[in-house]
Amino acid sequence: MGHTRYYLELSRDQVVPIIGRFPDGHVLRREILPDVSLSRRLYTEVGRDYQWTDRLEWTDEKWMYHFMKPQMQLWILWAISEPAGYFELRREDDDESVEIAYFGLLPRFTGRGLGGRLLACAVKHAREVGPRVWVHTCTKDHPHALANYQARGFQIFRTEDI
C-alpha cells in the first residue's frame, strides 16, 4: 500500500488559540543545549511506531551539531521530571518560514488531551520566529496527526506519494 505525505501551512493571519492549560506538574521548556541522549530518546520513542528512521544512525556529534545551529529550537513538554513530548522548530533561510520539523508525544502520554495543546504552543513559538508556519505529516504518522493539524487551522498546500 502506498503512503501520502501532506504539506500544510497556516495562513499568516490565522490565529491558533491556546487550548486550556497543561495538567498540573506539566511544563513546556525550551532546551538551549539539549542532552544528546535525551534528544535521541525522544526521536526514537516518539517515532518508533511511525517509521521515523532518518536520524537513527546519527552520532552524538551530529546530534550536538544539529541543535547548535541558530535556526533550530527544541522544546520539551515535561511531566514532573520525565519528558512527555516535544517539538523541533527550524527557521528556514528566508527568515520568513518556520517548520515544525518534528512533533509528538511519547506513547504513554498519548490519549490524554496533550497533543492539541502542545501543537498550539508549537505554533505560538514558531510565530515568534517567523510569520509563515508549516509542517508535513504522512499516512505513516499517528492516525490523528493530520486531523490535529487541520483542527488548528493548517491547510494542505501540497501532497505527494511516498
Protein backbone atom coordinates (compact mmCIF):
# COMPACT_ATOMS: atom_id res chain seq x y z
CA MET A 1 0.00 0.00 0.00
CA GLY A 2 1.31 3.45 -0.90
CA HIS A 3 1.53 6.33 1.50
CA THR A 4 0.86 10.03 1.13
CA ARG A 5 2.83 12.94 2.55
CA TYR A 6 0.88 16.13 3.30
CA TYR A 7 2.45 19.57 3.47
CA LEU A 8 0.37 22.01 5.49
CA GLU A 9 0.70 25.67 6.39
CA LEU A 10 -1.10 28.31 8.38
CA SER A 11 -2.19 31.50 6.70
CA ARG A 12 -0.21 34.42 8.07
CA ASP A 13 -3.28 35.85 9.81
CA GLN A 14 -4.53 32.52 11.21
CA VAL A 15 -4.85 32.69 14.99
CA VAL A 16 -4.36 29.40 16.82
CA PRO A 17 -5.79 29.70 20.31
CA ILE A 18 -4.00 28.05 23.19
CA ILE A 19 -6.24 25.25 24.40
CA GLY A 20 -6.61 25.34 28.17
CA ARG A 21 -3.64 24.60 30.38
CA PHE A 22 -1.40 21.61 30.68
CA PRO A 23 -2.28 19.46 33.70
CA ASP A 24 -0.57 20.24 37.00
CA GLY A 25 3.01 19.05 37.01
CA HIS A 26 3.46 19.60 33.25
CA VAL A 27 5.69 22.35 31.93
CA LEU A 28 6.91 23.22 28.42
CA ARG A 29 10.54 24.32 28.32
CA ARG A 30 12.95 25.28 25.56
CA GLU A 31 16.15 23.28 25.79
CA ILE A 32 19.04 25.56 24.82
CA LEU A 33 21.77 22.89 24.76
CA PRO A 34 19.78 19.66 24.79
CA ASP A 35 21.23 16.47 26.18
CA VAL A 36 22.18 14.21 23.24
CA SER A 37 20.87 11.02 24.82
CA LEU A 38 17.55 12.70 25.66
CA SER A 39 17.19 14.10 22.13
CA ARG A 40 17.88 10.68 20.66
CA ARG A 41 15.43 9.03 23.09
CA LEU A 42 12.63 11.46 22.22
CA TYR A 43 13.12 10.96 18.50
CA THR A 44 13.34 7.18 18.82
CA GLU A 45 10.41 6.66 21.21
CA VAL A 46 8.02 9.11 19.57
CA GLY A 47 8.84 7.87 16.07
CA ARG A 48 9.14 4.14 16.75
CA ASP A 49 5.62 3.24 15.61
CA TYR A 50 5.70 5.67 12.67
CA GLN A 51 8.84 4.54 10.85
CA TRP A 52 10.98 7.56 11.72
CA THR A 53 14.39 6.33 10.61
CA ASP A 54 16.37 9.26 9.20
CA ARG A 55 18.19 10.01 12.49
CA LEU A 56 18.63 6.53 13.93
CA GLU A 57 22.26 6.34 12.81
CA TRP A 58 23.24 9.85 13.94
CA THR A 59 26.37 10.08 16.10
CA ASP A 60 26.46 12.08 19.32
CA GLU A 61 28.43 14.74 17.47
CA LYS A 62 25.79 15.04 14.75
CA TRP A 63 23.04 15.42 17.37
CA MET A 64 25.04 18.16 19.14
CA TYR A 65 25.83 19.96 15.89
CA HIS A 66 22.17 19.82 14.84
CA PHE A 67 20.94 21.68 17.92
CA MET A 68 23.83 24.14 17.96
CA LYS A 69 22.57 25.64 14.70
CA PRO A 70 20.94 29.01 15.37
CA GLN A 71 17.91 28.16 13.25
CA MET A 72 16.98 25.15 15.45
CA GLN A 73 14.89 25.07 18.62
CA LEU A 74 13.95 22.09 20.75
CA TRP A 75 11.01 22.35 23.15
CA ILE A 76 10.18 19.56 25.59
CA LEU A 77 6.96 19.04 27.49
CA TRP A 78 7.94 17.74 30.92
CA ALA A 79 5.59 15.75 33.18
CA ILE A 80 7.18 16.30 36.58
CA SER A 81 10.70 15.02 35.82
CA GLU A 82 10.09 12.90 32.71
CA PRO A 83 9.61 14.01 29.12
CA ALA A 84 6.07 13.64 27.77
CA GLY A 85 6.56 15.06 24.28
CA TYR A 86 8.47 17.52 22.19
CA PHE A 87 8.68 19.61 19.07
CA GLU A 88 11.50 20.98 16.97
CA LEU A 89 11.31 24.27 15.13
CA ARG A 90 13.52 25.03 12.15
CA ARG A 91 13.76 28.56 10.77
CA GLU A 92 14.35 28.50 7.05
CA ASP A 93 16.96 30.58 5.29
CA ASP A 94 14.35 33.06 4.04
CA ASP A 95 13.75 34.12 7.69
CA GLU A 96 10.02 34.09 6.90
CA SER A 97 9.21 30.39 7.21
CA VAL A 98 9.38 28.15 10.25
CA GLU A 99 8.87 24.42 10.00
CA ILE A 100 7.55 22.37 12.87
CA ALA A 101 10.12 19.77 11.88
CA TYR A 102 9.28 17.12 14.48
CA PHE A 103 6.34 16.91 16.83
CA GLY A 104 4.94 14.20 19.04
CA LEU A 105 4.15 12.67 22.38
CA LEU A 106 5.79 9.65 23.91
CA PRO A 107 3.42 6.68 23.61
CA ARG A 108 2.41 6.56 27.27
CA PHE A 109 1.27 10.21 27.08
CA THR A 110 -1.00 9.92 24.05
CA GLY A 111 -4.75 9.96 24.54
CA ARG A 112 -4.55 12.42 27.45
CA GLY A 113 -5.53 15.57 25.57
CA LEU A 114 -1.96 16.92 25.45
CA GLY A 115 -1.42 16.88 21.66
CA GLY A 116 -3.68 19.78 20.71
CA ARG A 117 -2.28 22.00 23.46
CA LEU A 118 1.30 21.09 22.56
CA LEU A 119 0.66 21.86 18.88
CA ALA A 120 -0.89 25.22 19.74
CA CYS A 121 2.23 26.03 21.78
CA ALA A 122 4.46 24.93 18.89
CA VAL A 123 2.61 27.35 16.60
CA LYS A 124 2.88 30.17 19.14
CA HIS A 125 6.65 29.73 19.47
CA ALA A 126 7.10 29.27 15.71
CA ARG A 127 5.28 32.55 15.08
CA GLU A 128 7.76 34.28 17.39
CA VAL A 129 10.47 33.20 14.92
CA GLY A 130 8.75 33.85 11.58
CA PRO A 131 5.30 34.61 10.15
CA ARG A 132 4.88 31.51 7.95
CA VAL A 133 4.46 28.23 9.85
CA TRP A 134 4.34 24.92 8.05
CA VAL A 135 4.58 21.21 8.80
CA HIS A 136 4.46 17.93 6.97
CA THR A 137 2.94 14.64 8.02
CA CYS A 138 2.14 11.41 6.27
CA THR A 139 -0.15 8.43 6.43
CA LYS A 140 2.59 6.55 8.35
CA ASP A 141 2.33 9.04 11.25
CA HIS A 142 -0.14 8.88 14.13
CA PRO A 143 -3.68 8.36 12.79
CA HIS A 144 -4.80 11.67 14.36
CA ALA A 145 -1.83 13.76 13.16
CA LEU A 146 -3.42 15.21 10.03
CA ALA A 147 -6.71 15.95 11.84
CA ASN A 148 -4.82 17.63 14.72
CA TYR A 149 -3.01 19.95 12.30
CA GLN A 150 -6.20 20.75 10.42
CA ALA A 151 -8.10 21.38 13.67
CA ARG A 152 -5.54 24.10 14.46
CA GLY A 153 -6.14 25.77 11.09
CA PHE A 154 -3.41 24.23 8.95
CA GLN A 155 -4.35 23.86 5.28
CA ILE A 156 -2.84 21.37 2.86
CA PHE A 157 -0.80 23.10 0.16
CA ARG A 158 0.83 20.05 -1.42
CA THR A 159 0.65 16.27 -1.35
CA GLU A 160 2.96 13.60 -2.71
CA ASP A 161 3.01 9.84 -2.92
CA ILE A 162 5.82 8.24 -0.96
